[in-house]
Every structure is written in structure tokens, then in C-alpha cells.
Amino acid sequence: MLSKCEYHMFMPKQALSVTIEDANVTWLRGRVRSGKRRSLSEALDDVVTQARLGGRTDETRSVVGTIDIASGDPTLATADADVRRAFRSALGGRRPRG
């Protein structure tokens, strides 16, 4: 005979119906499938929490693999000049204020 097991959990959450764009639903589902979240609701709650906290999060993030370092400058000796040039290009040649 199986014994009855009950769980009483306090969840300070509210059910809510939201309408969001298809691309955002796809992105949230991807977060769930990646194993980072257990449900679509949890993924959405995480996004709202991060926005409310100004982007601060306890989640560890990695930038590994997001930057390619030029083989001709592996020590980044010219990085400052390269970044300045990229900003000038983005600003249409104008110098940033400040």
C-alpha cells in the first residue's frame, strides 16, 4: 500500500495572463529547454526580476567565446585605439562628448 504524500508550499506568486511577441515566447522556451529554468513562468519571472533589479543577478555569466582576439595583437596592445576607432565610426566621425 502506498502512503499518501502531501506537500504544502507557500508560493508568494500570482497567476497572470500575458501577451507577448512570438519571438519572445521562443526565446523564453529556449531558456527553459537549456535547463536554466524549469518552466516558462519561471523564465519570465526571472526576466522581470532582472529588469526590476536593474540587471543585477546572482546568476554566473561567462563571456568565454564571445570575443575574438586578433592574432596580430594577442596582448591587446592596440585595443584602446581600436575601440576609439570603432566608437568614432559608430558616431559617424563625431567625437563623443565628455
Protein backbone atom coordinates (compact mmCIF):
# COMPACT_ATOMS: atom_id res chain seq x y z
CA MET A 1 0.00 0.00 0.00
CA LEU A 2 1.32 3.39 -0.96
CA SER A 3 1.20 6.10 1.64
CA LYS A 4 -0.24 9.44 0.70
CA CYS A 5 2.37 12.17 0.50
CA GLU A 6 1.34 15.80 0.62
CA TYR A 7 3.40 18.90 0.09
CA HIS A 8 2.32 22.26 1.36
CA MET A 9 4.30 25.01 -0.25
CA PHE A 10 3.93 28.73 0.21
CA MET A 11 4.45 30.45 -3.12
CA PRO A 12 4.13 34.22 -2.95
CA LYS A 13 3.17 34.38 -6.61
CA GLN A 14 0.07 35.24 -8.57
CA ALA A 15 -1.33 33.67 -11.69
CA LEU A 16 -1.20 36.12 -14.58
CA SER A 17 -2.11 36.12 -18.23
CA VAL A 18 0.30 37.95 -20.54
CA THR A 19 0.50 38.53 -24.26
CA ILE A 20 4.00 38.74 -25.71
CA GLU A 21 5.51 38.57 -29.19
CA ASP A 22 6.22 35.16 -30.77
CA ALA A 23 9.98 35.79 -30.82
CA ASN A 24 9.96 36.43 -27.07
CA VAL A 25 7.99 33.24 -26.41
CA THR A 26 10.52 31.31 -28.49
CA TRP A 27 13.40 32.88 -26.53
CA LEU A 28 11.75 32.04 -23.19
CA ARG A 29 11.16 28.45 -24.30
CA GLY A 30 14.82 28.25 -25.26
CA ARG A 31 15.76 29.30 -21.71
CA VAL A 32 13.58 26.50 -20.36
CA ARG A 33 14.98 23.89 -22.77
CA SER A 34 18.55 24.89 -21.97
CA GLY A 35 17.92 23.76 -18.42
CA LYS A 36 18.37 27.20 -16.94
CA ARG A 37 14.70 27.36 -15.90
CA ARG A 38 12.08 24.75 -15.03
CA SER A 39 9.13 26.45 -16.71
CA LEU A 40 8.10 29.28 -18.98
CA SER A 41 6.67 31.09 -15.95
CA GLU A 42 9.98 30.81 -14.12
CA ALA A 43 11.87 32.11 -17.15
CA LEU A 44 9.52 35.10 -17.49
CA ASP A 45 9.68 35.77 -13.74
CA ASP A 46 13.49 35.79 -13.95
CA VAL A 47 13.45 38.35 -16.79
CA VAL A 48 11.10 40.64 -14.84
CA THR A 49 13.19 40.28 -11.67
CA GLN A 50 16.39 41.16 -13.54
CA ALA A 51 14.74 44.20 -15.11
CA ARG A 52 13.39 45.32 -11.74
CA LEU A 53 16.80 44.97 -10.11
CA GLY A 54 18.50 46.93 -12.88
CA GLY A 55 20.12 43.92 -14.50
CA ARG A 56 21.79 42.68 -11.32
CA THR A 57 21.63 38.93 -10.98
CA ASP A 58 23.11 36.17 -8.86
CA GLU A 59 23.45 34.02 -11.96
CA THR A 60 27.04 33.44 -13.02
CA ARG A 61 27.66 34.59 -16.55
CA SER A 62 30.58 33.86 -18.81
CA VAL A 63 31.96 35.79 -21.76
CA VAL A 64 34.12 32.87 -22.89
CA GLY A 65 33.84 32.51 -26.64
CA THR A 66 32.15 35.86 -27.21
CA ILE A 67 35.27 37.80 -28.23
CA ASP A 68 37.80 37.08 -30.94
CA ILE A 69 41.29 38.42 -30.24
CA ALA A 70 43.22 39.34 -33.36
CA SER A 71 46.16 37.00 -33.91
CA GLY A 72 48.28 40.03 -34.85
CA ASP A 73 47.72 41.62 -31.40
CA PRO A 74 47.35 38.82 -28.82
CA THR A 75 48.36 41.13 -25.93
CA LEU A 76 45.77 43.76 -26.94
CA ALA A 77 48.46 46.44 -27.23
CA THR A 78 46.36 48.37 -29.79
CA ALA A 79 42.98 47.66 -28.17
CA ASP A 80 42.44 51.24 -26.90
CA ALA A 81 42.98 52.72 -30.35
CA ASP A 82 40.77 50.05 -31.95
CA VAL A 83 37.91 50.74 -29.52
CA ARG A 84 38.19 54.52 -30.05
CA ARG A 85 38.14 53.99 -33.82
CA ALA A 86 35.05 51.76 -33.55
CA PHE A 87 33.23 54.38 -31.45
CA ARG A 88 34.14 57.17 -33.86
CA SER A 89 32.86 55.07 -36.72
CA ALA A 90 29.61 54.36 -34.88
CA LEU A 91 29.20 58.08 -34.13
CA GLY A 92 29.71 58.99 -37.77
CA GLY A 93 33.09 60.61 -37.15
CA ARG A 94 31.83 62.84 -34.32
CA ARG A 95 33.85 62.89 -31.12
CA PRO A 96 31.91 61.78 -28.03
CA ARG A 97 31.06 64.49 -25.52
CA GLY A 98 32.55 64.44 -22.05
